[in-house]
């Protein structure tokens, strides 16, 4: 089954391992940004960084 498209791009599954400190930081950012998930936090932060270039 194809992954949901967002930002006109195909999504792909990606697994990573993080420390508890990193996870807590991402969870804090999730609340601050009103993001739906930790992956949404990473996506938003990456796109914000790219937009600033």
PDB file of N, CA and C in Angstrom:
ATOM      1  N   UNK A   1       0.852  -1.185   0.000  1.00  0.00           N
ATOM      2  CA  UNK A   1       0.000   0.000   0.000  1.00  0.00           C
ATOM      3  C   UNK A   1       0.893   1.243   0.000  1.00  0.00           C
ATOM      4  N   UNK A   2       0.652   2.185  -0.920  1.00  0.00           N
ATOM      5  CA  UNK A   2       1.481   3.394  -0.967  1.00  0.00           C
ATOM      6  C   UNK A   2       1.289   4.251   0.273  1.00  0.00           C
ATOM      7  N   UNK A   3       2.360   4.929   0.665  1.00  0.00           N
ATOM      8  CA  UNK A   3       2.313   5.841   1.801  1.00  0.00           C
ATOM      9  C   UNK A   3       1.550   7.094   1.407  1.00  0.00           C
ATOM     10  N   UNK A   4       0.967   7.771   2.385  1.00  0.00           N
ATOM     11  CA  UNK A   4       0.219   8.995   2.149  1.00  0.00           C
ATOM     12  C   UNK A   4       1.134  10.081   1.586  1.00  0.00           C
ATOM     13  N   UNK A   5       0.634  10.807   0.586  1.00  0.00           N
ATOM     14  CA  UNK A   5       1.395  11.921   0.032  1.00  0.00           C
ATOM     15  C   UNK A   5       1.119  13.176   0.840  1.00  0.00           C
ATOM     16  N   UNK A   6       2.179  13.910   1.127  1.00  0.00           N
ATOM     17  CA  UNK A   6       2.061  15.177   1.830  1.00  0.00           C
ATOM     18  C   UNK A   6       3.120  16.091   1.226  1.00  0.00           C
ATOM     19  N   UNK A   7       2.820  17.343   1.139  1.00  0.00           N
ATOM     20  CA  UNK A   7       3.735  18.292   0.494  1.00  0.00           C
ATOM     21  C   UNK A   7       4.035  17.864  -0.941  1.00  0.00           C
ATOM     22  N   UNK A   8       3.084  17.214  -1.585  1.00  0.00           N
ATOM     23  CA  UNK A   8       3.237  16.710  -2.950  1.00  0.00           C
ATOM     24  C   UNK A   8       4.423  15.765  -3.111  1.00  0.00           C
ATOM     25  N   UNK A   9       4.765  15.067  -2.047  1.00  0.00           N
ATOM     26  CA  UNK A   9       5.852  14.092  -2.094  1.00  0.00           C
ATOM     27  C   UNK A   9       5.367  12.774  -1.508  1.00  0.00           C
ATOM     28  N   UNK A  10       5.888  11.693  -2.053  1.00  0.00           N
ATOM     29  CA  UNK A  10       5.594  10.370  -1.515  1.00  0.00           C
ATOM     30  C   UNK A  10       6.327  10.202  -0.191  1.00  0.00           C
ATOM     31  N   UNK A  11       5.661   9.645   0.817  1.00  0.00           N
ATOM     32  CA  UNK A  11       6.316   9.370   2.090  1.00  0.00           C
ATOM     33  C   UNK A  11       6.945   7.979   2.034  1.00  0.00           C
ATOM     34  N   UNK A  12       7.991   7.791   2.837  1.00  0.00           N
ATOM     35  CA  UNK A  12       8.606   6.466   2.932  1.00  0.00           C
ATOM     36  C   UNK A  12       8.946   6.201   4.380  1.00  0.00           C
ATOM     37  N   UNK A  13       8.823   4.957   4.767  1.00  0.00           N
ATOM     38  CA  UNK A  13       9.090   4.557   6.148  1.00  0.00           C
ATOM     39  C   UNK A  13      10.588   4.657   6.427  1.00  0.00           C
ATOM     40  N   UNK A  14      10.913   5.184   7.607  1.00  0.00           N
ATOM     41  CA  UNK A  14      12.300   5.369   8.022  1.00  0.00           C
ATOM     42  C   UNK A  14      12.357   5.126   9.520  1.00  0.00           C
ATOM     43  N   UNK A  15      13.258   4.277   9.963  1.00  0.00           N
ATOM     44  CA  UNK A  15      13.366   3.959  11.381  1.00  0.00           C
ATOM     45  C   UNK A  15      14.657   4.546  11.935  1.00  0.00           C
ATOM     46  N   UNK A  16      14.563   5.147  13.124  1.00  0.00           N
ATOM     47  CA  UNK A  16      15.770   5.650  13.770  1.00  0.00           C
ATOM     48  C   UNK A  16      15.714   5.348  15.258  1.00  0.00           C
ATOM     49  N   UNK A  17      16.865   5.347  15.882  1.00  0.00           N
ATOM     50  CA  UNK A  17      16.986   5.100  17.306  1.00  0.00           C
ATOM     51  C   UNK A  17      17.503   6.380  17.955  1.00  0.00           C
ATOM     52  N   UNK A  18      16.803   6.851  18.988  1.00  0.00           N
ATOM     53  CA  UNK A  18      17.162   8.093  19.660  1.00  0.00           C
ATOM     54  C   UNK A  18      17.282   7.875  21.160  1.00  0.00           C
ATOM     55  N   UNK A  19      18.044   8.745  21.808  1.00  0.00           N
ATOM     56  CA  UNK A  19      18.129   8.707  23.267  1.00  0.00           C
ATOM     57  C   UNK A  19      16.838   9.259  23.854  1.00  0.00           C
ATOM     58  N   UNK A  20      16.619   8.985  25.110  1.00  0.00           N
ATOM     59  CA  UNK A  20      15.435   9.505  25.797  1.00  0.00           C
ATOM     60  C   UNK A  20      15.445  11.036  25.791  1.00  0.00           C
ATOM     61  N   UNK A  21      16.626  11.638  25.911  1.00  0.00           N
ATOM     62  CA  UNK A  21      16.745  13.103  25.880  1.00  0.00           C
ATOM     63  C   UNK A  21      16.243  13.661  24.557  1.00  0.00           C
ATOM     64  N   UNK A  22      16.641  13.046  23.459  1.00  0.00           N
ATOM     65  CA  UNK A  22      16.208  13.505  22.138  1.00  0.00           C
ATOM     66  C   UNK A  22      14.704  13.333  21.960  1.00  0.00           C
ATOM     67  N   UNK A  23      14.176  12.230  22.433  1.00  0.00           N
ATOM     68  CA  UNK A  23      12.738  11.972  22.322  1.00  0.00           C
ATOM     69  C   UNK A  23      11.949  12.997  23.129  1.00  0.00           C
ATOM     70  N   UNK A  24      12.401  13.282  24.336  1.00  0.00           N
ATOM     71  CA  UNK A  24      11.712  14.274  25.167  1.00  0.00           C
ATOM     72  C   UNK A  24      11.746  15.650  24.506  1.00  0.00           C
ATOM     73  N   UNK A  25      12.866  16.005  23.902  1.00  0.00           N
ATOM     74  CA  UNK A  25      12.983  17.284  23.210  1.00  0.00           C
ATOM     75  C   UNK A  25      12.002  17.347  22.032  1.00  0.00           C
ATOM     76  N   UNK A  26      11.944  16.266  21.252  1.00  0.00           N
ATOM     77  CA  UNK A  26      11.005  16.212  20.123  1.00  0.00           C
ATOM     78  C   UNK A  26       9.557  16.286  20.606  1.00  0.00           C
ATOM     79  N   UNK A  27       9.252  15.635  21.703  1.00  0.00           N
ATOM     80  CA  UNK A  27       7.892  15.676  22.255  1.00  0.00           C
ATOM     81  C   UNK A  27       7.544  17.100  22.708  1.00  0.00           C
ATOM     82  N   UNK A  28       8.509  17.805  23.269  1.00  0.00           N
ATOM     83  CA  UNK A  28       8.288  19.201  23.661  1.00  0.00           C
ATOM     84  C   UNK A  28       8.024  20.064  22.427  1.00  0.00           C
ATOM     85  N   UNK A  29       8.803  19.844  21.381  1.00  0.00           N
ATOM     86  CA  UNK A  29       8.605  20.585  20.126  1.00  0.00           C
ATOM     87  C   UNK A  29       7.252  20.245  19.505  1.00  0.00           C
ATOM     88  N   UNK A  30       6.815  19.004  19.652  1.00  0.00           N
ATOM     89  CA  UNK A  30       5.516  18.584  19.123  1.00  0.00           C
ATOM     90  C   UNK A  30       4.405  19.419  19.744  1.00  0.00           C
ATOM     91  N   UNK A  31       4.473  19.617  21.054  1.00  0.00           N
ATOM     92  CA  UNK A  31       3.474  20.432  21.753  1.00  0.00           C
ATOM     93  C   UNK A  31       3.559  21.882  21.292  1.00  0.00           C
ATOM     94  N   UNK A  32       4.787  22.424  21.242  1.00  0.00           N
ATOM     95  CA  UNK A  32       4.986  23.817  20.842  1.00  0.00           C
ATOM     96  C   UNK A  32       4.462  24.093  19.437  1.00  0.00           C
ATOM     97  N   UNK A  33       4.703  23.165  18.527  1.00  0.00           N
ATOM     98  CA  UNK A  33       4.308  23.351  17.131  1.00  0.00           C
ATOM     99  C   UNK A  33       2.870  22.920  16.848  1.00  0.00           C
ATOM    100  N   UNK A  34       2.277  22.193  17.777  1.00  0.00           N
ATOM    101  CA  UNK A  34       0.950  21.638  17.529  1.00  0.00           C
ATOM    102  C   UNK A  34       0.997  20.571  16.448  1.00  0.00           C
ATOM    103  N   UNK A  35       2.116  19.863  16.398  1.00  0.00           N
ATOM    104  CA  UNK A  35       2.317  18.829  15.375  1.00  0.00           C
ATOM    105  C   UNK A  35       1.549  17.563  15.731  1.00  0.00           C
ATOM    106  N   UNK A  36       1.240  16.776  14.707  1.00  0.00           N
ATOM    107  CA  UNK A  36       0.469  15.548  14.888  1.00  0.00           C
ATOM    108  C   UNK A  36       1.294  14.386  15.419  1.00  0.00           C
ATOM    109  N   UNK A  37       2.601  14.403  15.154  1.00  0.00           N
ATOM    110  CA  UNK A  37       3.464  13.281  15.526  1.00  0.00           C
ATOM    111  C   UNK A  37       4.907  13.761  15.579  1.00  0.00           C
ATOM    112  N   UNK A  38       5.780  12.890  16.067  1.00  0.00           N
ATOM    113  CA  UNK A  38       7.200  13.244  16.090  1.00  0.00           C
ATOM    114  C   UNK A  38       7.751  13.349  14.675  1.00  0.00           C
ATOM    115  N   UNK A  39       7.271  12.517  13.779  1.00  0.00           N
ATOM    116  CA  UNK A  39       7.731  12.623  12.390  1.00  0.00           C
ATOM    117  C   UNK A  39       7.268  13.946  11.772  1.00  0.00           C
ATOM    118  N   UNK A  40       6.092  14.419  12.171  1.00  0.00           N
ATOM    119  CA  UNK A  40       5.605  15.718  11.695  1.00  0.00           C
ATOM    120  C   UNK A  40       6.508  16.844  12.209  1.00  0.00           C
ATOM    121  N   UNK A  41       6.990  16.719  13.440  1.00  0.00           N
ATOM    122  CA  UNK A  41       7.922  17.710  13.999  1.00  0.00           C
ATOM    123  C   UNK A  41       9.186  17.775  13.134  1.00  0.00           C
ATOM    124  N   UNK A  42       9.755  16.625  12.851  1.00  0.00           N
ATOM    125  CA  UNK A  42      10.977  16.570  12.048  1.00  0.00           C
ATOM    126  C   UNK A  42      10.735  17.134  10.660  1.00  0.00           C
ATOM    127  N   UNK A  43       9.614  16.768  10.048  1.00  0.00           N
ATOM    128  CA  UNK A  43       9.265  17.271   8.707  1.00  0.00           C
ATOM    129  C   UNK A  43       9.159  18.792   8.705  1.00  0.00           C
ATOM    130  N   UNK A  44       8.446  19.347   9.681  1.00  0.00           N
ATOM    131  CA  UNK A  44       8.273  20.806   9.752  1.00  0.00           C
ATOM    132  C   UNK A  44       9.594  21.522   9.964  1.00  0.00           C
ATOM    133  N   UNK A  45      10.418  20.985  10.853  1.00  0.00           N
ATOM    134  CA  UNK A  45      11.700  21.620  11.138  1.00  0.00           C
ATOM    135  C   UNK A  45      12.621  21.563   9.915  1.00  0.00           C
ATOM    136  N   UNK A  46      12.627  20.462   9.210  1.00  0.00           N
ATOM    137  CA  UNK A  46      13.454  20.329   8.009  1.00  0.00           C
ATOM    138  C   UNK A  46      12.995  21.297   6.924  1.00  0.00           C
ATOM    139  N   UNK A  47      11.681  21.400   6.734  1.00  0.00           N
ATOM    140  CA  UNK A  47      11.172  22.309   5.707  1.00  0.00           C
ATOM    141  C   UNK A  47      11.412  23.769   6.070  1.00  0.00           C
ATOM    142  N   UNK A  48      11.310  24.091   7.365  1.00  0.00           N
ATOM    143  CA  UNK A  48      11.596  25.450   7.811  1.00  0.00           C
ATOM    144  C   UNK A  48      13.057  25.791   7.526  1.00  0.00           C
ATOM    145  N   UNK A  49      13.944  24.858   7.806  1.00  0.00           N
ATOM    146  CA  UNK A  49      15.377  25.062   7.571  1.00  0.00           C
ATOM    147  C   UNK A  49      15.648  25.270   6.081  1.00  0.00           C
ATOM    148  N   UNK A  50      15.019  24.464   5.251  1.00  0.00           N
ATOM    149  CA  UNK A  50      15.223  24.575   3.796  1.00  0.00           C
ATOM    150  C   UNK A  50      14.651  25.876   3.256  1.00  0.00           C
ATOM    151  N   UNK A  51      13.537  26.325   3.808  1.00  0.00           N
ATOM    152  CA  UNK A  51      12.923  27.578   3.346  1.00  0.00           C
ATOM    153  C   UNK A  51      13.787  28.795   3.662  1.00  0.00           C
ATOM    154  N   UNK A  52      14.600  28.700   4.703  1.00  0.00           N
ATOM    155  CA  UNK A  52      15.442  29.826   5.112  1.00  0.00           C
ATOM    156  C   UNK A  52      16.677  29.966   4.232  1.00  0.00           C
ATOM    157  N   UNK A  53      16.980  28.958   3.413  1.00  0.00           N
ATOM    158  CA  UNK A  53      18.175  29.016   2.539  1.00  0.00           C
ATOM    159  C   UNK A  53      17.934  29.893   1.345  1.00  0.00           C
TER     160      UNK A  53
END
